[in-house]
């Protein structure tokens, strides 16, 4: 299980990546996440 610090770093990286994506990319990413999560 990752530590809280590891999880925080991952979330910061994910947030940075999402902030650089355009609407079409965000839409595709949302669809992929829904497929993974169910």
N, C-alpha and C. Protein backbone atom coordinates (compact mmCIF):
# COMPACT_ATOMS: atom_id res chain seq x y z
N UNK A 1 0.85 -1.19 0.00
CA UNK A 1 0.00 0.00 0.00
C UNK A 1 0.89 1.24 0.00
N UNK A 2 0.64 2.17 -0.90
CA UNK A 2 1.48 3.38 -0.95
C UNK A 2 1.26 4.25 0.28
N UNK A 3 2.31 4.96 0.65
CA UNK A 3 2.20 5.87 1.79
C UNK A 3 1.39 7.10 1.39
N UNK A 4 1.01 7.88 2.39
CA UNK A 4 0.24 9.10 2.13
C UNK A 4 1.06 10.06 1.28
N UNK A 5 2.37 10.14 1.53
CA UNK A 5 3.23 11.02 0.74
C UNK A 5 3.29 10.59 -0.72
N UNK A 6 3.37 9.28 -0.95
CA UNK A 6 3.37 8.77 -2.33
C UNK A 6 2.06 9.11 -3.03
N UNK A 7 0.97 8.90 -2.33
CA UNK A 7 -0.35 9.19 -2.93
C UNK A 7 -0.47 10.67 -3.25
N UNK A 8 0.02 11.51 -2.36
CA UNK A 8 -0.05 12.96 -2.60
C UNK A 8 0.76 13.35 -3.82
N UNK A 9 1.95 12.77 -3.97
CA UNK A 9 2.79 13.06 -5.15
C UNK A 9 2.09 12.62 -6.43
N UNK A 10 1.48 11.44 -6.39
CA UNK A 10 0.76 10.95 -7.58
C UNK A 10 -0.39 11.88 -7.93
N UNK A 11 -1.13 12.33 -6.92
CA UNK A 11 -2.26 13.22 -7.18
C UNK A 11 -1.81 14.55 -7.74
N UNK A 12 -0.69 15.08 -7.25
CA UNK A 12 -0.16 16.33 -7.79
C UNK A 12 0.23 16.15 -9.25
N UNK A 13 0.87 15.02 -9.56
CA UNK A 13 1.28 14.76 -10.95
C UNK A 13 0.05 14.59 -11.85
N UNK A 14 -0.93 13.85 -11.38
CA UNK A 14 -2.16 13.65 -12.17
C UNK A 14 -2.86 14.98 -12.39
N UNK A 15 -2.96 15.79 -11.35
CA UNK A 15 -3.62 17.09 -11.46
C UNK A 15 -2.89 17.97 -12.47
N UNK A 16 -1.57 17.96 -12.45
CA UNK A 16 -0.80 18.74 -13.41
C UNK A 16 -1.05 18.29 -14.84
N UNK A 17 -1.10 16.98 -15.03
CA UNK A 17 -1.36 16.43 -16.36
C UNK A 17 -2.75 16.82 -16.84
N UNK A 18 -3.75 16.66 -15.97
CA UNK A 18 -5.12 17.01 -16.35
C UNK A 18 -5.26 18.49 -16.68
N UNK A 19 -4.52 19.34 -15.99
CA UNK A 19 -4.65 20.78 -16.22
C UNK A 19 -4.12 21.19 -17.59
N UNK A 20 -3.27 20.35 -18.19
CA UNK A 20 -2.72 20.66 -19.51
C UNK A 20 -3.53 20.06 -20.65
N UNK A 21 -4.55 19.28 -20.32
CA UNK A 21 -5.34 18.61 -21.35
C UNK A 21 -6.47 19.51 -21.85
N UNK A 22 -6.80 19.35 -23.15
CA UNK A 22 -7.94 20.10 -23.70
C UNK A 22 -9.23 19.30 -23.45
N UNK A 23 -10.35 19.87 -23.84
CA UNK A 23 -11.65 19.26 -23.55
C UNK A 23 -11.79 17.86 -24.16
N UNK A 24 -11.32 17.69 -25.39
CA UNK A 24 -11.42 16.37 -26.03
C UNK A 24 -10.58 15.34 -25.29
N UNK A 25 -9.37 15.71 -24.89
CA UNK A 25 -8.51 14.80 -24.16
C UNK A 25 -9.12 14.45 -22.80
N UNK A 26 -9.69 15.45 -22.12
CA UNK A 26 -10.33 15.19 -20.83
C UNK A 26 -11.52 14.25 -20.98
N UNK A 27 -12.27 14.41 -22.06
CA UNK A 27 -13.42 13.54 -22.30
C UNK A 27 -12.97 12.10 -22.50
N UNK A 28 -11.91 11.90 -23.28
CA UNK A 28 -11.39 10.55 -23.50
C UNK A 28 -10.85 9.96 -22.21
N UNK A 29 -10.15 10.77 -21.42
CA UNK A 29 -9.60 10.29 -20.15
C UNK A 29 -10.73 9.88 -19.20
N UNK A 30 -11.80 10.66 -19.17
CA UNK A 30 -12.94 10.34 -18.31
C UNK A 30 -13.57 9.01 -18.72
N UNK A 31 -13.68 8.77 -20.02
CA UNK A 31 -14.24 7.50 -20.51
C UNK A 31 -13.36 6.33 -20.11
N UNK A 32 -12.04 6.50 -20.21
CA UNK A 32 -11.13 5.42 -19.82
C UNK A 32 -11.22 5.14 -18.33
N UNK A 33 -11.29 6.20 -17.52
CA UNK A 33 -11.41 6.00 -16.07
C UNK A 33 -12.70 5.28 -15.72
N UNK A 34 -13.79 5.65 -16.37
CA UNK A 34 -15.06 4.98 -16.12
C UNK A 34 -14.97 3.50 -16.47
N UNK A 35 -14.25 3.17 -17.54
CA UNK A 35 -14.09 1.78 -17.94
C UNK A 35 -13.27 1.00 -16.90
N UNK A 36 -12.24 1.64 -16.35
CA UNK A 36 -11.40 0.98 -15.35
C UNK A 36 -12.13 0.81 -14.02
N UNK A 37 -12.85 1.84 -13.61
CA UNK A 37 -13.50 1.83 -12.30
C UNK A 37 -14.80 1.03 -12.33
N UNK A 38 -15.48 1.14 -13.44
CA UNK A 38 -16.71 0.37 -13.60
C UNK A 38 -17.91 1.10 -13.30
